[in-house]
Amino acid sequence: MSSESVEIGSFRFDIGSAKKRLEELDAEKVMIQLPDGLKWKAGEFEELFEIETVFWGGSCYGACDLPRSIGDADALLHVGHSEIPNLQPDYPVVYLEGRSTRWRSLPEEFFERVKGKIALY
């Protein structure tokens, strides 16, 4: 797995893995699907890839909310969510997970007070 990562907004993305997967697919044109909160950063995502890109302008409410079609693109780059293994669209999908960078420095006393598992949303 590649370690080329980039921070966009308050998320870190493993761009190297996505590029490698697109190369394996011989993709010359990719459709990028961004969640609504990252659409205003579309230009930053476009600059990361050295192939032709188009953007899906519709909604994106999670990994299961894929476009019905990607037109003449060779693959869909779905940004921000993890793959759902049993979801089988009619075209190749490359998932570019976003890892939050907002919680990098929680105070140590926070962890001392919390017992068990927690989830931050």
PDB file of N, CA and C in Angstrom:
ATOM      1  N   MET A   1       0.840  -1.166   0.000  1.00  0.00           N
ATOM      2  CA  MET A   1       0.000   0.000   0.000  1.00  0.00           C
ATOM      3  C   MET A   1       0.892   1.238   0.000  1.00  0.00           C
ATOM      4  N   SER A   2       0.548   2.195  -0.777  1.00  0.00           N
ATOM      5  CA  SER A   2       1.330   3.418  -0.892  1.00  0.00           C
ATOM      6  C   SER A   2       1.103   4.305   0.317  1.00  0.00           C
ATOM      7  N   SER A   3       2.094   5.129   0.623  1.00  0.00           N
ATOM      8  CA  SER A   3       1.956   6.017   1.771  1.00  0.00           C
ATOM      9  C   SER A   3       1.807   7.479   1.342  1.00  0.00           C
ATOM     10  N   GLU A   4       1.559   7.722   0.079  1.00  0.00           N
ATOM     11  CA  GLU A   4       1.356   9.092  -0.390  1.00  0.00           C
ATOM     12  C   GLU A   4      -0.011   9.563   0.091  1.00  0.00           C
ATOM     13  N   SER A   5      -0.002  10.469   1.061  1.00  0.00           N
ATOM     14  CA  SER A   5      -1.273  10.967   1.572  1.00  0.00           C
ATOM     15  C   SER A   5      -1.290  12.486   1.504  1.00  0.00           C
ATOM     16  N   VAL A   6      -2.499  13.029   1.573  1.00  0.00           N
ATOM     17  CA  VAL A   6      -2.689  14.468   1.486  1.00  0.00           C
ATOM     18  C   VAL A   6      -3.822  14.849   2.434  1.00  0.00           C
ATOM     19  N   GLU A   7      -3.714  16.039   3.004  1.00  0.00           N
ATOM     20  CA  GLU A   7      -4.787  16.562   3.833  1.00  0.00           C
ATOM     21  C   GLU A   7      -5.562  17.600   3.047  1.00  0.00           C
ATOM     22  N   ILE A   8      -6.873  17.411   3.002  1.00  0.00           N
ATOM     23  CA  ILE A   8      -7.784  18.353   2.362  1.00  0.00           C
ATOM     24  C   ILE A   8      -8.911  18.594   3.351  1.00  0.00           C
ATOM     25  N   GLY A   9      -9.163  19.856   3.646  1.00  0.00           N
ATOM     26  CA  GLY A   9     -10.127  20.158   4.691  1.00  0.00           C
ATOM     27  C   GLY A   9      -9.613  19.582   5.991  1.00  0.00           C
ATOM     28  N   SER A  10     -10.463  18.909   6.733  1.00  0.00           N
ATOM     29  CA  SER A  10     -10.028  18.304   7.993  1.00  0.00           C
ATOM     30  C   SER A  10      -9.934  16.783   7.869  1.00  0.00           C
ATOM     31  N   PHE A  11      -9.501  16.324   6.677  1.00  0.00           N
ATOM     32  CA  PHE A  11      -9.379  14.889   6.435  1.00  0.00           C
ATOM     33  C   PHE A  11      -8.056  14.554   5.767  1.00  0.00           C
ATOM     34  N   ARG A  12      -7.562  13.360   6.018  1.00  0.00           N
ATOM     35  CA  ARG A  12      -6.362  12.836   5.359  1.00  0.00           C
ATOM     36  C   ARG A  12      -6.813  11.735   4.405  1.00  0.00           C
ATOM     37  N   PHE A  13      -6.256  11.750   3.196  1.00  0.00           N
ATOM     38  CA  PHE A  13      -6.610  10.787   2.159  1.00  0.00           C
ATOM     39  C   PHE A  13      -5.359  10.082   1.662  1.00  0.00           C
ATOM     40  N   ASP A  14      -5.434   8.769   1.465  1.00  0.00           N
ATOM     41  CA  ASP A  14      -4.335   7.968   0.930  1.00  0.00           C
ATOM     42  C   ASP A  14      -4.417   8.008  -0.593  1.00  0.00           C
ATOM     43  N   ILE A  15      -3.860   9.038  -1.162  1.00  0.00           N
ATOM     44  CA  ILE A  15      -3.916   9.257  -2.600  1.00  0.00           C
ATOM     45  C   ILE A  15      -3.112   8.203  -3.360  1.00  0.00           C
ATOM     46  N   GLY A  16      -2.024   7.750  -2.771  1.00  0.00           N
ATOM     47  CA  GLY A  16      -1.174   6.762  -3.443  1.00  0.00           C
ATOM     48  C   GLY A  16      -1.917   5.485  -3.784  1.00  0.00           C
ATOM     49  N   SER A  17      -2.715   4.980  -2.854  1.00  0.00           N
ATOM     50  CA  SER A  17      -3.479   3.749  -3.115  1.00  0.00           C
ATOM     51  C   SER A  17      -4.510   3.963  -4.218  1.00  0.00           C
ATOM     52  N   ALA A  18      -5.154   5.116  -4.209  1.00  0.00           N
ATOM     53  CA  ALA A  18      -6.151   5.411  -5.237  1.00  0.00           C
ATOM     54  C   ALA A  18      -5.489   5.508  -6.609  1.00  0.00           C
ATOM     55  N   LYS A  19      -4.360   6.182  -6.693  1.00  0.00           N
ATOM     56  CA  LYS A  19      -3.649   6.292  -7.967  1.00  0.00           C
ATOM     57  C   LYS A  19      -3.228   4.918  -8.483  1.00  0.00           C
ATOM     58  N   LYS A  20      -2.730   4.082  -7.573  1.00  0.00           N
ATOM     59  CA  LYS A  20      -2.300   2.738  -7.961  1.00  0.00           C
ATOM     60  C   LYS A  20      -3.477   1.938  -8.505  1.00  0.00           C
ATOM     61  N   ARG A  21      -4.610   2.010  -7.837  1.00  0.00           N
ATOM     62  CA  ARG A  21      -5.796   1.264  -8.287  1.00  0.00           C
ATOM     63  C   ARG A  21      -6.276   1.770  -9.645  1.00  0.00           C
ATOM     64  N   LEU A  22      -6.268   3.087  -9.851  1.00  0.00           N
ATOM     65  CA  LEU A  22      -6.677   3.644 -11.148  1.00  0.00           C
ATOM     66  C   LEU A  22      -5.723   3.196 -12.255  1.00  0.00           C
ATOM     67  N   GLU A  23      -4.427   3.104 -11.936  1.00  0.00           N
ATOM     68  CA  GLU A  23      -3.449   2.598 -12.913  1.00  0.00           C
ATOM     69  C   GLU A  23      -3.735   1.141 -13.248  1.00  0.00           C
ATOM     70  N   GLU A  24      -4.056   0.325 -12.238  1.00  0.00           N
ATOM     71  CA  GLU A  24      -4.379  -1.085 -12.469  1.00  0.00           C
ATOM     72  C   GLU A  24      -5.596  -1.223 -13.386  1.00  0.00           C
ATOM     73  N   LEU A  25      -6.521  -0.277 -13.293  1.00  0.00           N
ATOM     74  CA  LEU A  25      -7.719  -0.292 -14.133  1.00  0.00           C
ATOM     75  C   LEU A  25      -7.474   0.316 -15.516  1.00  0.00           C
ATOM     76  N   ASP A  26      -6.255   0.836 -15.753  1.00  0.00           N
ATOM     77  CA  ASP A  26      -5.921   1.545 -16.992  1.00  0.00           C
ATOM     78  C   ASP A  26      -6.897   2.689 -17.249  1.00  0.00           C
ATOM     79  N   ALA A  27      -7.308   3.351 -16.192  1.00  0.00           N
ATOM     80  CA  ALA A  27      -8.271   4.449 -16.305  1.00  0.00           C
ATOM     81  C   ALA A  27      -7.617   5.670 -16.937  1.00  0.00           C
ATOM     82  N   GLU A  28      -8.252   6.174 -17.987  1.00  0.00           N
ATOM     83  CA  GLU A  28      -7.798   7.402 -18.633  1.00  0.00           C
ATOM     84  C   GLU A  28      -8.693   8.577 -18.264  1.00  0.00           C
ATOM     85  N   LYS A  29      -9.892   8.256 -17.783  1.00  0.00           N
ATOM     86  CA  LYS A  29     -10.843   9.281 -17.368  1.00  0.00           C
ATOM     87  C   LYS A  29     -11.577   8.764 -16.138  1.00  0.00           C
ATOM     88  N   VAL A  30     -11.632   9.595 -15.098  1.00  0.00           N
ATOM     89  CA  VAL A  30     -12.279   9.183 -13.852  1.00  0.00           C
ATOM     90  C   VAL A  30     -13.351  10.197 -13.469  1.00  0.00           C
ATOM     91  N   MET A  31     -14.467   9.672 -12.985  1.00  0.00           N
ATOM     92  CA  MET A  31     -15.495  10.530 -12.411  1.00  0.00           C
ATOM     93  C   MET A  31     -15.254  10.569 -10.906  1.00  0.00           C
ATOM     94  N   ILE A  32     -15.200  11.762 -10.344  1.00  0.00           N
ATOM     95  CA  ILE A  32     -14.981  11.922  -8.907  1.00  0.00           C
ATOM     96  C   ILE A  32     -16.307  12.273  -8.253  1.00  0.00           C
ATOM     97  N   GLN A  33     -16.655  11.502  -7.217  1.00  0.00           N
ATOM     98  CA  GLN A  33     -17.868  11.747  -6.449  1.00  0.00           C
ATOM     99  C   GLN A  33     -17.464  12.189  -5.055  1.00  0.00           C
ATOM    100  N   LEU A  34     -17.837  13.423  -4.721  1.00  0.00           N
ATOM    101  CA  LEU A  34     -17.496  13.998  -3.420  1.00  0.00           C
ATOM    102  C   LEU A  34     -18.732  14.100  -2.534  1.00  0.00           C
ATOM    103  N   PRO A  35     -18.560  13.897  -1.224  1.00  0.00           N
ATOM    104  CA  PRO A  35     -19.684  14.176  -0.324  1.00  0.00           C
ATOM    105  C   PRO A  35     -19.948  15.678  -0.326  1.00  0.00           C
ATOM    106  N   ASP A  36     -21.162  16.058  -0.001  1.00  0.00           N
ATOM    107  CA  ASP A  36     -21.547  17.468  -0.086  1.00  0.00           C
ATOM    108  C   ASP A  36     -20.593  18.395   0.659  1.00  0.00           C
ATOM    109  N   GLY A  37     -20.089  17.971   1.801  1.00  0.00           N
ATOM    110  CA  GLY A  37     -19.199  18.818   2.592  1.00  0.00           C
ATOM    111  C   GLY A  37     -17.837  19.071   1.975  1.00  0.00           C
ATOM    112  N   LEU A  38     -17.465  18.285   0.972  1.00  0.00           N
ATOM    113  CA  LEU A  38     -16.166  18.464   0.308  1.00  0.00           C
ATOM    114  C   LEU A  38     -16.274  18.970  -1.121  1.00  0.00           C
ATOM    115  N   LYS A  39     -17.480  19.191  -1.608  1.00  0.00           N
ATOM    116  CA  LYS A  39     -17.631  19.634  -3.005  1.00  0.00           C
ATOM    117  C   LYS A  39     -16.926  20.957  -3.273  1.00  0.00           C
ATOM    118  N   TRP A  40     -16.859  21.815  -2.292  1.00  0.00           N
ATOM    119  CA  TRP A  40     -16.195  23.100  -2.485  1.00  0.00           C
ATOM    120  C   TRP A  40     -14.674  22.946  -2.592  1.00  0.00           C
ATOM    121  N   LYS A  41     -14.160  21.741  -2.328  1.00  0.00           N
ATOM    122  CA  LYS A  41     -12.731  21.447  -2.457  1.00  0.00           C
ATOM    123  C   LYS A  41     -12.433  20.661  -3.740  1.00  0.00           C
ATOM    124  N   ALA A  42     -13.378  20.634  -4.669  1.00  0.00           N
ATOM    125  CA  ALA A  42     -13.243  19.833  -5.888  1.00  0.00           C
ATOM    126  C   ALA A  42     -11.938  20.136  -6.631  1.00  0.00           C
ATOM    127  N   GLY A  43     -11.568  21.378  -6.726  1.00  0.00           N
ATOM    128  CA  GLY A  43     -10.339  21.744  -7.435  1.00  0.00           C
ATOM    129  C   GLY A  43      -9.102  21.099  -6.843  1.00  0.00           C
ATOM    130  N   GLU A  44      -9.065  20.965  -5.526  1.00  0.00           N
ATOM    131  CA  GLU A  44      -7.911  20.337  -4.877  1.00  0.00           C
ATOM    132  C   GLU A  44      -7.830  18.850  -5.217  1.00  0.00           C
ATOM    133  N   PHE A  45      -8.974  18.182  -5.302  1.00  0.00           N
ATOM    134  CA  PHE A  45      -8.974  16.770  -5.685  1.00  0.00           C
ATOM    135  C   PHE A  45      -8.581  16.607  -7.152  1.00  0.00           C
ATOM    136  N   GLU A  46      -9.077  17.481  -7.999  1.00  0.00           N
ATOM    137  CA  GLU A  46      -8.771  17.404  -9.427  1.00  0.00           C
ATOM    138  C   GLU A  46      -7.272  17.504  -9.672  1.00  0.00           C
ATOM    139  N   GLU A  47      -6.586  18.356  -8.925  1.00  0.00           N
ATOM    140  CA  GLU A  47      -5.144  18.563  -9.104  1.00  0.00           C
ATOM    141  C   GLU A  47      -4.311  17.354  -8.707  1.00  0.00           C
ATOM    142  N   LEU A  48      -4.869  16.435  -7.930  1.00  0.00           N
ATOM    143  CA  LEU A  48      -4.115  15.289  -7.428  1.00  0.00           C
ATOM    144  C   LEU A  48      -3.909  14.190  -8.463  1.00  0.00           C
ATOM    145  N   PHE A  49      -4.743  14.170  -9.482  1.00  0.00           N
ATOM    146  CA  PHE A  49      -4.715  13.074 -10.445  1.00  0.00           C
ATOM    147  C   PHE A  49      -4.286  13.584 -11.811  1.00  0.00           C
ATOM    148  N   GLU A  50      -3.453  12.821 -12.463  1.00  0.00           N
ATOM    149  CA  GLU A  50      -2.882  13.224 -13.744  1.00  0.00           C
ATOM    150  C   GLU A  50      -3.636  12.614 -14.906  1.00  0.00           C
ATOM    151  N   ILE A  51      -4.931  12.379 -14.697  1.00  0.00           N
ATOM    152  CA  ILE A  51      -5.785  11.873 -15.771  1.00  0.00           C
ATOM    153  C   ILE A  51      -6.990  12.800 -15.874  1.00  0.00           C
ATOM    154  N   GLU A  52      -7.729  12.644 -16.952  1.00  0.00           N
ATOM    155  CA  GLU A  52      -8.917  13.470 -17.147  1.00  0.00           C
ATOM    156  C   GLU A  52      -9.933  13.181 -16.038  1.00  0.00           C
ATOM    157  N   THR A  53     -10.509  14.238 -15.488  1.00  0.00           N
ATOM    158  CA  THR A  53     -11.493  14.070 -14.421  1.00  0.00           C
ATOM    159  C   THR A  53     -12.775  14.815 -14.759  1.00  0.00           C
ATOM    160  N   VAL A  54     -13.874  14.228 -14.313  1.00  0.00           N
ATOM    161  CA  VAL A  54     -15.178  14.877 -14.339  1.00  0.00           C
ATOM    162  C   VAL A  54     -15.771  14.669 -12.946  1.00  0.00           C
ATOM    163  N   PHE A  55     -16.723  15.509 -12.581  1.00  0.00           N
ATOM    164  CA  PHE A  55     -17.306  15.409 -11.245  1.00  0.00           C
ATOM    165  C   PHE A  55     -18.774  15.059 -11.308  1.00  0.00           C
ATOM    166  N   TRP A  56     -19.187  14.203 -10.382  1.00  0.00           N
ATOM    167  CA  TRP A  56     -20.596  13.893 -10.178  1.00  0.00           C
ATOM    168  C   TRP A  56     -21.168  15.038  -9.359  1.00  0.00           C
ATOM    169  N   GLY A  57     -22.202  15.685  -9.859  1.00  0.00           N
ATOM    170  CA  GLY A  57     -22.781  16.831  -9.168  1.00  0.00           C
ATOM    171  C   GLY A  57     -23.961  16.493  -8.292  1.00  0.00           C
ATOM    172  N   GLY A  58     -24.398  15.243  -8.325  1.00  0.00           N
ATOM    173  CA  GLY A  58     -25.551  14.841  -7.531  1.00  0.00           C
ATOM    174  C   GLY A  58     -25.201  14.629  -6.072  1.00  0.00           C
ATOM    175  N   SER A  59     -26.151  14.093  -5.352  1.00  0.00           N
ATOM    176  CA  SER A  59     -25.981  13.874  -3.915  1.00  0.00           C
ATOM    177  C   SER A  59     -24.967  12.769  -3.634  1.00  0.00           C
ATOM    178  N   CYS A  60     -24.532  12.729  -2.392  1.00  0.00           N
ATOM    179  CA  CYS A  60     -23.652  11.661  -1.926  1.00  0.00           C
ATOM    180  C   CYS A  60     -23.855  11.525  -0.431  1.00  0.00           C
ATOM    181  N   TYR A  61     -24.708  10.588  -0.055  1.00  0.00           N
ATOM    182  CA  TYR A  61     -25.038  10.401   1.360  1.00  0.00           C
ATOM    183  C   TYR A  61     -24.379   9.173   1.959  1.00  0.00           C
ATOM    184  N   GLY A  62     -23.297   8.706   1.384  1.00  0.00           N
ATOM    185  CA  GLY A  62     -22.583   7.563   1.919  1.00  0.00           C
ATOM    186  C   GLY A  62     -22.079   6.667   0.803  1.00  0.00           C
ATOM    187  N   ALA A  63     -21.418   5.594   1.198  1.00  0.00           N
ATOM    188  CA  ALA A  63     -20.792   4.684   0.243  1.00  0.00           C
ATOM    189  C   ALA A  63     -21.791   3.950  -0.638  1.00  0.00           C
ATOM    190  N   CYS A  64     -23.046   3.877  -0.206  1.00  0.00           N
ATOM    191  CA  CYS A  64     -24.054   3.175  -1.013  1.00  0.00           C
ATOM    192  C   CYS A  64     -24.743   4.110  -2.003  1.00  0.00           C
ATOM    193  N   ASP A  65     -24.473   5.399  -1.936  1.00  0.00           N
ATOM    194  CA  ASP A  65     -25.150   6.384  -2.786  1.00  0.00           C
ATOM    195  C   ASP A  65     -24.303   6.680  -4.021  1.00  0.00           C
ATOM    196  N   LEU A  66     -24.184   5.683  -4.890  1.00  0.00           N
ATOM    197  CA  LEU A  66     -23.367   5.805  -6.096  1.00  0.00           C
ATOM    198  C   LEU A  66     -24.234   6.244  -7.280  1.00  0.00           C
ATOM    199  N   PRO A  67     -23.643   6.932  -8.262  1.00  0.00           N
ATOM    200  CA  PRO A  67     -24.396   7.295  -9.468  1.00  0.00           C
ATOM    201  C   PRO A  67     -24.858   6.046 -10.211  1.00  0.00           C
ATOM    202  N   ARG A  68     -25.966   6.160 -10.922  1.00  0.00           N
ATOM    203  CA  ARG A  68     -26.444   5.031 -11.731  1.00  0.00           C
ATOM    204  C   ARG A  68     -25.494   4.736 -12.878  1.00  0.00           C
ATOM    205  N   SER A  69     -24.849   5.787 -13.378  1.00  0.00           N
ATOM    206  CA  SER A  69     -23.948   5.639 -14.516  1.00  0.00           C
ATOM    207  C   SER A  69     -22.777   6.600 -14.347  1.00  0.00           C
ATOM    208  N   ILE A  70     -21.642   6.247 -14.929  1.00  0.00           N
ATOM    209  CA  ILE A  70     -20.494   7.162 -14.928  1.00  0.00           C
ATOM    210  C   ILE A  70     -20.184   7.633 -16.351  1.00  0.00           C
ATOM    211  N   GLY A  71     -21.144   7.476 -17.234  1.00  0.00           N
ATOM    212  CA  GLY A  71     -20.969   7.954 -18.606  1.00  0.00           C
ATOM    213  C   GLY A  71     -19.794   7.294 -19.287  1.00  0.00           C
ATOM    214  N   ASP A  72     -18.922   8.112 -19.895  1.00  0.00           N
ATOM    215  CA  ASP A  72     -17.781   7.552 -20.604  1.00  0.00           C
ATOM    216  C   ASP A  72     -16.515   7.487 -19.745  1.00  0.00           C
ATOM    217  N   ALA A  73     -16.655   7.707 -18.438  1.00  0.00           N
ATOM    218  CA  ALA A  73     -15.502   7.572 -17.539  1.00  0.00           C
ATOM    219  C   ALA A  73     -15.158   6.094 -17.382  1.00  0.00           C
ATOM    220  N   ASP A  74     -13.906   5.816 -17.076  1.00  0.00           N
ATOM    221  CA  ASP A  74     -13.442   4.441 -16.914  1.00  0.00           C
ATOM    222  C   ASP A  74     -13.655   3.909 -15.502  1.00  0.00           C
ATOM    223  N   ALA A  75     -13.803   4.812 -14.525  1.00  0.00           N
ATOM    224  CA  ALA A  75     -13.984   4.407 -13.132  1.00  0.00           C
ATOM    225  C   ALA A  75     -14.571   5.572 -12.350  1.00  0.00           C
ATOM    226  N   LEU A  76     -15.130   5.239 -11.204  1.00  0.00           N
ATOM    227  CA  LEU A  76     -15.623   6.245 -10.266  1.00  0.00           C
ATOM    228  C   LEU A  76     -14.667   6.303  -9.093  1.00  0.00           C
ATOM    229  N   LEU A  77     -14.229   7.489  -8.715  1.00  0.00           N
ATOM    230  CA  LEU A  77     -13.444   7.696  -7.501  1.00  0.00           C
ATOM    231  C   LEU A  77     -14.417   8.228  -6.455  1.00  0.00           C
ATOM    232  N   HIS A  78     -14.782   7.384  -5.515  1.00  0.00           N
ATOM    233  CA  HIS A  78     -15.748   7.745  -4.480  1.00  0.00           C
ATOM    234  C   HIS A  78     -14.965   8.218  -3.258  1.00  0.00           C
ATOM    235  N   VAL A  79     -15.105   9.499  -2.924  1.00  0.00           N
ATOM    236  CA  VAL A  79     -14.279  10.127  -1.902  1.00  0.00           C
ATOM    237  C   VAL A  79     -14.996  10.159  -0.546  1.00  0.00           C
ATOM    238  N   GLY A  80     -14.253   9.796   0.485  1.00  0.00           N
ATOM    239  CA  GLY A  80     -14.683  10.005   1.861  1.00  0.00           C
ATOM    240  C   GLY A  80     -15.235   8.806   2.581  1.00  0.00           C
ATOM    241  N   HIS A  81     -15.619   7.769   1.880  1.00  0.00           N
ATOM    242  CA  HIS A  81     -16.271   6.635   2.525  1.00  0.00           C
ATOM    243  C   HIS A  81     -15.517   5.337   2.260  1.00  0.00           C
ATOM    244  N   SER A  82     -15.778   4.343   3.098  1.00  0.00           N
ATOM    245  CA  SER A  82     -15.186   3.018   2.932  1.00  0.00           C
ATOM    246  C   SER A  82     -16.046   2.159   2.012  1.00  0.00           C
ATOM    247  N   GLU A  83     -15.414   1.203   1.390  1.00  0.00           N
ATOM    248  CA  GLU A  83     -16.103   0.287   0.490  1.00  0.00           C
ATOM    249  C   GLU A  83     -17.136  -0.549   1.240  1.00  0.00           C
ATOM    250  N   ILE A  84     -18.256  -0.798   0.593  1.00  0.00           N
ATOM    251  CA  ILE A  84     -19.239  -1.763   1.072  1.00  0.00           C
ATOM    252  C   ILE A  84     -19.035  -3.006   0.211  1.00  0.00           C
ATOM    253  N   PRO A  85     -18.444  -4.073   0.781  1.00  0.00           N
ATOM    254  CA  PRO A  85     -18.027  -5.228  -0.032  1.00  0.00           C
ATOM    255  C   PRO A  85     -19.128  -5.881  -0.869  1.00  0.00           C
ATOM    256  N   ASN A  86     -20.353  -5.940  -0.387  1.00  0.00           N
ATOM    257  CA  ASN A  86     -21.386  -6.629  -1.154  1.00  0.00           C
ATOM    258  C   ASN A  86     -22.096  -5.726  -2.155  1.00  0.00           C
ATOM    259  N   LEU A  87     -21.693  -4.469  -2.248  1.00  0.00           N
ATOM    260  CA  LEU A  87     -22.260  -3.542  -3.230  1.00  0.00           C
ATOM    261  C   LEU A  87     -21.512  -3.733  -4.547  1.00  0.00           C
ATOM    262  N   GLN A  88     -22.222  -4.111  -5.595  1.00  0.00           N
ATOM    263  CA  GLN A  88     -21.583  -4.431  -6.876  1.00  0.00           C
ATOM    264  C   GLN A  88     -22.159  -3.574  -8.008  1.00  0.00           C
ATOM    265  N   PRO A  89     -21.667  -2.341  -8.178  1.00  0.00           N
ATOM    266  CA  PRO A  89     -22.150  -1.519  -9.297  1.00  0.00           C
ATOM    267  C   PRO A  89     -21.667  -2.085 -10.632  1.00  0.00           C
ATOM    268  N   ASP A  90     -22.198  -1.541 -11.711  1.00  0.00           N
ATOM    269  CA  ASP A  90     -21.865  -2.008 -13.062  1.00  0.00           C
ATOM    270  C   ASP A  90     -20.573  -1.412 -13.605  1.00  0.00           C
ATOM    271  N   TYR A  91     -19.833  -0.729 -12.792  1.00  0.00           N
ATOM    272  CA  TYR A  91     -18.597  -0.083 -13.221  1.00  0.00           C
ATOM    273  C   TYR A  91     -17.587  -0.152 -12.074  1.00  0.00           C
ATOM    274  N   PRO A  92     -16.282   0.044 -12.360  1.00  0.00           N
ATOM    275  CA  PRO A  92     -15.266   0.005 -11.307  1.00  0.00           C
ATOM    276  C   PRO A  92     -15.370   1.220 -10.385  1.00  0.00           C
ATOM    277  N   VAL A  93     -15.243   0.971  -9.079  1.00  0.00           N
ATOM    278  CA  VAL A  93     -15.261   2.035  -8.081  1.00  0.00           C
ATOM    279  C   VAL A  93     -13.976   1.953  -7.267  1.00  0.00           C
ATOM    280  N   VAL A  94     -13.310   3.081  -7.120  1.00  0.00           N
ATOM    281  CA  VAL A  94     -12.142   3.205  -6.264  1.00  0.00           C
ATOM    282  C   VAL A  94     -12.575   4.059  -5.084  1.00  0.00           C
ATOM    283  N   TYR A  95     -12.485   3.493  -3.886  1.00  0.00           N
ATOM    284  CA  TYR A  95     -12.892   4.215  -2.678  1.00  0.00           C
ATOM    285  C   TYR A  95     -11.688   4.925  -2.083  1.00  0.00           C
ATOM    286  N   LEU A  96     -11.835   6.217  -1.864  1.00  0.00           N
ATOM    287  CA  LEU A  96     -10.785   7.035  -1.270  1.00  0.00           C
ATOM    288  C   LEU A  96     -11.282   7.484   0.104  1.00  0.00           C
ATOM    289  N   GLU A  97     -10.982   6.660   1.109  1.00  0.00           N
ATOM    290  CA  GLU A  97     -11.453   6.943   2.465  1.00  0.00           C
ATOM    291  C   GLU A  97     -10.861   8.243   2.990  1.00  0.00           C
ATOM    292  N   GLY A  98     -11.663   8.959   3.756  1.00  0.00           N
ATOM    293  CA  GLY A  98     -11.194  10.150   4.438  1.00  0.00           C
ATOM    294  C   GLY A  98     -11.058   9.859   5.921  1.00  0.00           C
ATOM    295  N   ARG A  99      -9.902  10.127   6.480  1.00  0.00           N
ATOM    296  CA  ARG A  99      -9.652   9.948   7.910  1.00  0.00           C
ATOM    297  C   ARG A  99      -9.592  11.323   8.561  1.00  0.00           C
ATOM    298  N   SER A 100     -10.430  11.536   9.554  1.00  0.00           N
ATOM    299  CA  SER A 100     -10.500  12.841  10.211  1.00  0.00           C
ATOM    300  C   SER A 100      -9.178  13.203  10.869  1.00  0.00           C
ATOM    301  N   THR A 101      -8.800  14.471  10.745  1.00  0.00           N
ATOM    302  CA  THR A 101      -7.609  14.978  11.420  1.00  0.00           C
ATOM    303  C   THR A 101      -7.987  15.924  12.561  1.00  0.00           C
ATOM    304  N   ARG A 102      -9.268  16.068  12.820  1.00  0.00           N
ATOM    305  CA  ARG A 102      -9.721  17.000  13.861  1.00  0.00           C
ATOM    306  C   ARG A 102      -9.365  16.554  15.269  1.00  0.00           C
ATOM    307  N   TRP A 103      -9.258  15.267  15.497  1.00  0.00           N
ATOM    308  CA  TRP A 103      -9.092  14.763  16.860  1.00  0.00           C
ATOM    309  C   TRP A 103      -7.679  14.267  17.122  1.00  0.00           C
ATOM    310  N   ARG A 104      -6.700  14.859  16.506  1.00  0.00           N
ATOM    311  CA  ARG A 104      -5.320  14.433  16.687  1.00  0.00           C
ATOM    312  C   ARG A 104      -4.786  14.723  18.076  1.00  0.00           C
ATOM    313  N   SER A 105      -5.301  15.755  18.722  1.00  0.00           N
ATOM    314  CA  SER A 105      -4.689  16.156  19.978  1.00  0.00           C
ATOM    315  C   SER A 105      -5.731  16.362  21.081  1.00  0.00           C
ATOM    316  N   LEU A 106      -6.429  15.296  21.423  1.00  0.00           N
ATOM    317  CA  LEU A 106      -7.341  15.363  22.560  1.00  0.00           C
ATOM    318  C   LEU A 106      -6.516  15.365  23.839  1.00  0.00           C
ATOM    319  N   PRO A 107      -6.969  16.090  24.847  1.00  0.00           N
ATOM    320  CA  PRO A 107      -6.223  16.130  26.112  1.00  0.00           C
ATOM    321  C   PRO A 107      -6.122  14.739  26.744  1.00  0.00           C
ATOM    322  N   GLU A 108      -4.997  14.437  27.336  1.00  0.00           N
ATOM    323  CA  GLU A 108      -4.758  13.129  27.956  1.00  0.00           C
ATOM    324  C   GLU A 108      -5.806  12.801  29.022  1.00  0.00           C
ATOM    325  N   GLU A 109      -6.254  13.809  29.756  1.00  0.00           N
ATOM    326  CA  GLU A 109      -7.256  13.556  30.803  1.00  0.00           C
ATOM    327  C   GLU A 109      -8.585  13.062  30.222  1.00  0.00           C
ATOM    328  N   PHE A 110      -8.847  13.381  28.956  1.00  0.00           N
ATOM    329  CA  PHE A 110     -10.047  12.858  28.298  1.00  0.00           C
ATOM    330  C   PHE A 110     -10.010  11.334  28.277  1.00  0.00           C
ATOM    331  N   PHE A 111      -8.878  10.773  27.915  1.00  0.00           N
ATOM    332  CA  PHE A 111      -8.749   9.325  27.823  1.00  0.00           C
ATOM    333  C   PHE A 111      -8.757   8.662  29.193  1.00  0.00           C
ATOM    334  N   GLU A 112      -8.316   9.366  30.205  1.00  0.00           N
ATOM    335  CA  GLU A 112      -8.335   8.829  31.565  1.00  0.00           C
ATOM    336  C   GLU A 112      -9.769   8.713  32.094  1.00  0.00           C
ATOM    337  N   ARG A 113     -10.660   9.594  31.650  1.00  0.00           N
ATOM    338  CA  ARG A 113     -12.049   9.581  32.137  1.00  0.00           C
ATOM    339  C   ARG A 113     -12.938   8.629  31.361  1.00  0.00           C
ATOM    340  N   VAL A 114     -12.586   8.321  30.133  1.00  0.00           N
ATOM    341  CA  VAL A 114     -13.436   7.486  29.290  1.00  0.00           C
ATOM    342  C   VAL A 114     -13.052   6.030  29.457  1.00  0.00           C
ATOM    343  N   LYS A 115     -14.040   5.200  29.746  1.00  0.00           N
ATOM    344  CA  LYS A 115     -13.804   3.751  29.879  1.00  0.00           C
ATOM    345  C   LYS A 115     -14.517   3.055  28.724  1.00  0.00           C
ATOM    346  N   GLY A 116     -13.897   2.065  28.127  1.00  0.00           N
ATOM    347  CA  GLY A 116     -14.520   1.305  27.048  1.00  0.00           C
ATOM    348  C   GLY A 116     -14.325   1.965  25.702  1.00  0.00           C
ATOM    349  N   LYS A 117     -15.168   1.591  24.767  1.00  0.00           N
ATOM    350  CA  LYS A 117     -15.080   2.089  23.400  1.00  0.00           C
ATOM    351  C   LYS A 117     -15.919   3.355  23.231  1.00  0.00           C
ATOM    352  N   ILE A 118     -15.436   4.242  22.377  1.00  0.00           N
ATOM    353  CA  ILE A 118     -16.181   5.444  22.057  1.00  0.00           C
ATOM    354  C   ILE A 118     -16.188   5.648  20.547  1.00  0.00           C
ATOM    355  N   ALA A 119     -17.133   6.434  20.077  1.00  0.00           N
ATOM    356  CA  ALA A 119     -17.181   6.822  18.668  1.00  0.00           C
ATOM    357  C   ALA A 119     -17.397   8.324  18.621  1.00  0.00           C
ATOM    358  N   LEU A 120     -16.654   9.006  17.772  1.00  0.00           N
ATOM    359  CA  LEU A 120     -16.794  10.443  17.590  1.00  0.00           C
ATOM    360  C   LEU A 120     -17.409  10.698  16.232  1.00  0.00           C
ATOM    361  N   TYR A 121     -18.496  11.461  16.179  1.00  0.00           N
ATOM    362  CA  TYR A 121     -19.177  11.757  14.928  1.00  0.00           C
ATOM    363  C   TYR A 121     -19.142  13.236  14.667  1.00  0.00           C
TER     364      TYR A 121
END
